[in-house]
Amino acid sequence: MATILRDWSYQYQWLYDGISRLAALSVGGEARFRQLALQGIAIEPDMKVLDLCCGSGQTTQFLVERSNHVTGLDASPLSIRRAKQNVPEAEYVEAFAEKMPFADYSFDLIHTSAAMHEMEAAQLRQIFQEVYRVLKPGGVFTMVDFHTPTNPIFVPGLAVFFWLFETETAWQLIKLNLEELLQKMGFKVQCLQLYAGGSLQVIQAQK
């Protein structure tokens, strides 16, 4: 159960950015956090890239530096407006991640950053199915999100963060085996790495 701070963080960009920067210190800063899941992936200028649940464009800004064909998708009109202002080099689509308005095999790379913990379990499965559908054969899906800490020192901090800013879906996500779920949908998980005492997971999976 989140506090009113959750609502404020979405309403006020400065508060959201401040929280993001503070939380990202555990992995060396926000710039590194936003690119954690992209490490080791060669992104060419002609590749078609989707920033799934792009928010205000925090990761989109790094993607447009490497690809000339970046699309940001988000269900929030406010986030889309902010993303267009922050990163005008990308294209944007306002839509739900579980029902993407794209043709099959549209993208070479799909990335999502700290968004899947917002989804109910059934919704998450629908999103992964959609990701698989719109990825080209051989395409890659990358994500970074919460994970049950492997270092007990990080447990209290994550619990407080969830209580202040997240909802029950975040607790549900860290109980899921995302690697197993993606594999059942046909993905080949190439990389699963943990950061910040295990409280963050990075997954790279190929169609």
Protein backbone atom coordinates (compact mmCIF):
# COMPACT_ATOMS: atom_id res chain seq x y z
CA MET A 1 0.00 0.00 0.00
CA ALA A 2 1.61 3.23 -1.19
CA THR A 3 1.29 6.64 0.41
CA ILE A 4 0.23 9.93 -1.17
CA LEU A 5 3.88 10.32 -2.19
CA ARG A 6 3.20 7.90 -5.03
CA ASP A 7 0.53 10.17 -6.50
CA TRP A 8 2.71 13.24 -6.02
CA SER A 9 5.67 11.56 -7.73
CA TYR A 10 3.58 11.08 -10.88
CA GLN A 11 2.01 14.52 -10.70
CA TYR A 12 5.24 16.45 -10.17
CA GLN A 13 8.11 15.70 -12.53
CA TRP A 14 10.74 17.20 -10.22
CA LEU A 15 9.72 14.84 -7.40
CA TYR A 16 9.76 11.76 -9.67
CA ASP A 17 13.17 12.71 -11.05
CA GLY A 18 14.53 13.25 -7.55
CA ILE A 19 13.28 9.86 -6.35
CA SER A 20 14.70 8.16 -9.45
CA ARG A 21 18.12 9.72 -8.97
CA LEU A 22 18.19 8.79 -5.30
CA ALA A 23 17.14 5.19 -5.93
CA ALA A 24 19.64 4.83 -8.78
CA LEU A 25 22.59 5.66 -6.53
CA SER A 26 22.66 1.98 -5.53
CA VAL A 27 23.91 1.10 -9.04
CA GLY A 28 26.11 4.11 -9.68
CA GLY A 29 23.64 6.79 -10.74
CA GLU A 30 20.62 7.23 -12.96
CA ALA A 31 22.53 7.24 -16.27
CA ARG A 32 23.97 3.82 -15.47
CA PHE A 33 20.63 2.53 -14.18
CA ARG A 34 18.83 3.53 -17.38
CA GLN A 35 21.38 1.64 -19.48
CA LEU A 36 21.91 -1.44 -17.29
CA ALA A 37 19.76 -3.71 -19.43
CA LEU A 38 21.37 -2.46 -22.65
CA GLN A 39 24.91 -3.48 -21.73
CA GLY A 40 26.53 -5.69 -24.32
CA ILE A 41 23.81 -5.11 -26.91
CA ALA A 42 24.89 -3.66 -30.24
CA ILE A 43 22.26 -1.12 -31.28
CA GLU A 44 22.73 0.03 -34.86
CA PRO A 45 21.33 3.33 -36.22
CA ASP A 46 18.89 1.54 -38.54
CA MET A 47 17.45 -0.74 -35.86
CA LYS A 48 13.83 -0.23 -34.84
CA VAL A 49 13.63 0.18 -31.08
CA LEU A 50 10.63 0.35 -28.75
CA ASP A 51 10.85 1.94 -25.31
CA LEU A 52 7.94 0.15 -23.67
CA CYS A 53 6.19 2.11 -20.91
CA CYS A 54 8.57 4.95 -21.68
CA GLY A 55 7.33 7.32 -18.98
CA SER A 56 8.77 10.78 -19.47
CA GLY A 57 11.57 9.54 -21.69
CA GLN A 58 14.25 8.87 -19.08
CA THR A 59 15.59 5.86 -21.01
CA THR A 60 14.40 7.06 -24.42
CA GLN A 61 17.06 9.75 -24.34
CA PHE A 62 19.78 7.10 -24.30
CA LEU A 63 18.12 5.00 -27.00
CA VAL A 64 17.91 7.89 -29.51
CA GLU A 65 21.66 8.33 -29.20
CA ARG A 66 22.13 4.87 -30.71
CA SER A 67 19.15 4.36 -33.03
CA ASN A 68 17.44 6.63 -35.54
CA HIS A 69 14.16 4.74 -35.21
CA VAL A 70 13.01 4.88 -31.59
CA THR A 71 9.36 4.71 -30.55
CA GLY A 72 8.14 5.35 -27.03
CA LEU A 73 4.88 3.80 -25.86
CA ASP A 74 3.00 4.68 -22.70
CA ALA A 75 -0.64 4.62 -21.55
CA SER A 76 -0.35 7.93 -19.70
CA PRO A 77 -1.15 11.07 -21.74
CA LEU A 78 0.83 13.15 -19.23
CA SER A 79 3.91 10.95 -19.61
CA ILE A 80 3.67 11.08 -23.40
CA ARG A 81 3.48 14.88 -23.34
CA ARG A 82 6.52 15.06 -21.07
CA ALA A 83 8.45 12.56 -23.19
CA LYS A 84 7.79 14.57 -26.35
CA GLN A 85 9.18 17.65 -24.63
CA ASN A 86 12.16 15.85 -23.12
CA VAL A 87 13.15 13.69 -26.10
CA PRO A 88 11.60 15.08 -29.31
CA GLU A 89 13.84 12.89 -31.49
CA ALA A 90 11.65 9.82 -30.85
CA GLU A 91 8.17 8.94 -32.06
CA TYR A 92 5.48 8.35 -29.43
CA VAL A 93 2.34 6.26 -29.18
CA GLU A 94 -0.25 6.49 -26.42
CA ALA A 95 -1.47 2.94 -25.85
CA PHE A 96 -1.60 0.09 -23.36
CA ALA A 97 1.38 -2.26 -23.31
CA GLU A 98 -0.89 -5.32 -23.27
CA LYS A 99 -2.52 -4.25 -26.54
CA MET A 100 0.13 -2.59 -28.67
CA PRO A 101 -1.02 -1.03 -31.96
CA PHE A 102 1.90 -2.44 -33.95
CA ALA A 103 2.11 -5.11 -36.62
CA ASP A 104 3.82 -8.43 -35.98
CA TYR A 105 7.61 -8.34 -36.25
CA SER A 106 7.87 -4.55 -35.97
CA PHE A 107 10.94 -4.11 -33.74
CA ASP A 108 14.52 -5.31 -33.45
CA LEU A 109 14.76 -4.36 -29.78
CA ILE A 110 12.16 -3.74 -27.07
CA HIS A 111 13.26 -2.28 -23.76
CA THR A 112 11.35 -1.55 -20.57
CA SER A 113 12.72 0.11 -17.45
CA ALA A 114 11.15 -0.23 -14.00
CA ALA A 115 7.61 -0.53 -15.34
CA MET A 116 6.57 -4.18 -15.16
CA HIS A 117 6.15 -4.04 -11.37
CA GLU A 118 3.12 -1.82 -12.00
CA MET A 119 1.27 -4.67 -13.68
CA GLU A 120 -1.01 -7.39 -12.32
CA ALA A 121 0.22 -10.94 -12.99
CA ALA A 122 -2.31 -11.61 -15.78
CA GLN A 123 -1.57 -8.24 -17.33
CA LEU A 124 2.16 -8.95 -17.21
CA ARG A 125 1.68 -12.17 -19.15
CA GLN A 126 -0.35 -10.35 -21.79
CA ILE A 127 2.41 -7.77 -22.13
CA PHE A 128 5.09 -10.41 -22.59
CA GLN A 129 2.94 -12.09 -25.24
CA GLU A 130 2.61 -8.77 -27.05
CA VAL A 131 6.35 -8.17 -26.80
CA TYR A 132 6.95 -11.57 -28.38
CA ARG A 133 4.46 -10.79 -31.14
CA VAL A 134 5.88 -7.43 -32.20
CA LEU A 135 9.53 -8.49 -31.97
CA LYS A 136 11.24 -9.61 -35.14
CA PRO A 137 12.64 -13.15 -35.16
CA GLY A 138 16.00 -12.90 -33.45
CA GLY A 139 14.96 -9.65 -31.80
CA VAL A 140 15.84 -8.89 -28.19
CA PHE A 141 13.70 -7.91 -25.19
CA THR A 142 15.52 -6.20 -22.33
CA MET A 143 14.16 -5.17 -18.96
CA VAL A 144 15.24 -3.93 -15.56
CA ASP A 145 12.96 -4.12 -12.54
CA PHE A 146 12.75 -5.11 -8.89
CA HIS A 147 13.83 -8.46 -7.48
CA THR A 148 13.80 -10.06 -4.05
CA PRO A 149 17.07 -8.94 -2.42
CA THR A 150 19.71 -11.62 -2.02
CA ASN A 151 21.57 -9.44 0.48
CA PRO A 152 19.45 -8.97 3.65
CA ILE A 153 20.90 -5.49 4.15
CA PHE A 154 18.79 -4.29 1.22
CA VAL A 155 15.50 -5.77 2.48
CA PRO A 156 14.45 -2.90 4.81
CA GLY A 157 15.22 -0.23 2.22
CA LEU A 158 13.24 -1.98 -0.50
CA ALA A 159 10.31 -2.54 1.88
CA VAL A 160 10.21 1.14 2.83
CA PHE A 161 10.43 2.18 -0.81
CA PHE A 162 7.55 -0.14 -1.73
CA TRP A 163 5.46 1.16 1.17
CA LEU A 164 6.01 4.80 0.19
CA PHE A 165 5.83 4.62 -3.58
CA GLU A 166 4.57 1.27 -4.85
CA THR A 167 1.47 -0.93 -4.68
CA GLU A 168 0.81 -4.63 -4.17
CA THR A 169 1.84 -5.38 -7.75
CA ALA A 170 5.48 -4.64 -6.88
CA TRP A 171 5.39 -7.27 -4.15
CA GLN A 172 3.77 -9.69 -6.60
CA LEU A 173 6.48 -9.13 -9.20
CA ILE A 174 9.38 -10.00 -6.91
CA LYS A 175 7.69 -13.32 -6.15
CA LEU A 176 7.59 -14.25 -9.84
CA ASN A 177 10.28 -16.14 -11.70
CA LEU A 178 10.43 -13.89 -14.75
CA GLU A 179 13.10 -15.99 -16.46
CA GLU A 180 10.85 -19.04 -16.31
CA LEU A 181 7.81 -17.05 -17.45
CA LEU A 182 9.62 -15.64 -20.49
CA GLN A 183 10.97 -19.05 -21.43
CA LYS A 184 7.46 -20.54 -21.37
CA MET A 185 6.41 -17.88 -23.87
CA GLY A 186 9.15 -18.85 -26.28
CA PHE A 187 11.96 -16.49 -25.34
CA LYS A 188 15.53 -17.63 -24.86
CA VAL A 189 16.87 -15.83 -21.79
CA GLN A 190 20.45 -14.91 -22.61
CA CYS A 191 21.29 -12.95 -19.50
CA LEU A 192 19.93 -12.50 -15.99
CA GLN A 193 22.00 -10.32 -13.67
CA LEU A 194 21.28 -8.95 -10.22
CA TYR A 195 22.34 -5.57 -8.85
CA ALA A 196 21.99 -3.56 -5.65
CA GLY A 197 22.16 -6.56 -3.33
CA GLY A 198 19.82 -8.49 -5.59
CA SER A 199 17.04 -5.89 -5.35
CA LEU A 200 17.24 -5.17 -9.09
CA GLN A 201 17.20 -7.69 -11.92
CA VAL A 202 18.29 -7.22 -15.50
CA ILE A 203 17.01 -9.63 -18.14
CA GLN A 204 17.99 -9.92 -21.80
CA ALA A 205 15.90 -12.38 -23.80
CA GLN A 206 15.86 -13.25 -27.48
CA LYS A 207 12.90 -14.26 -29.62
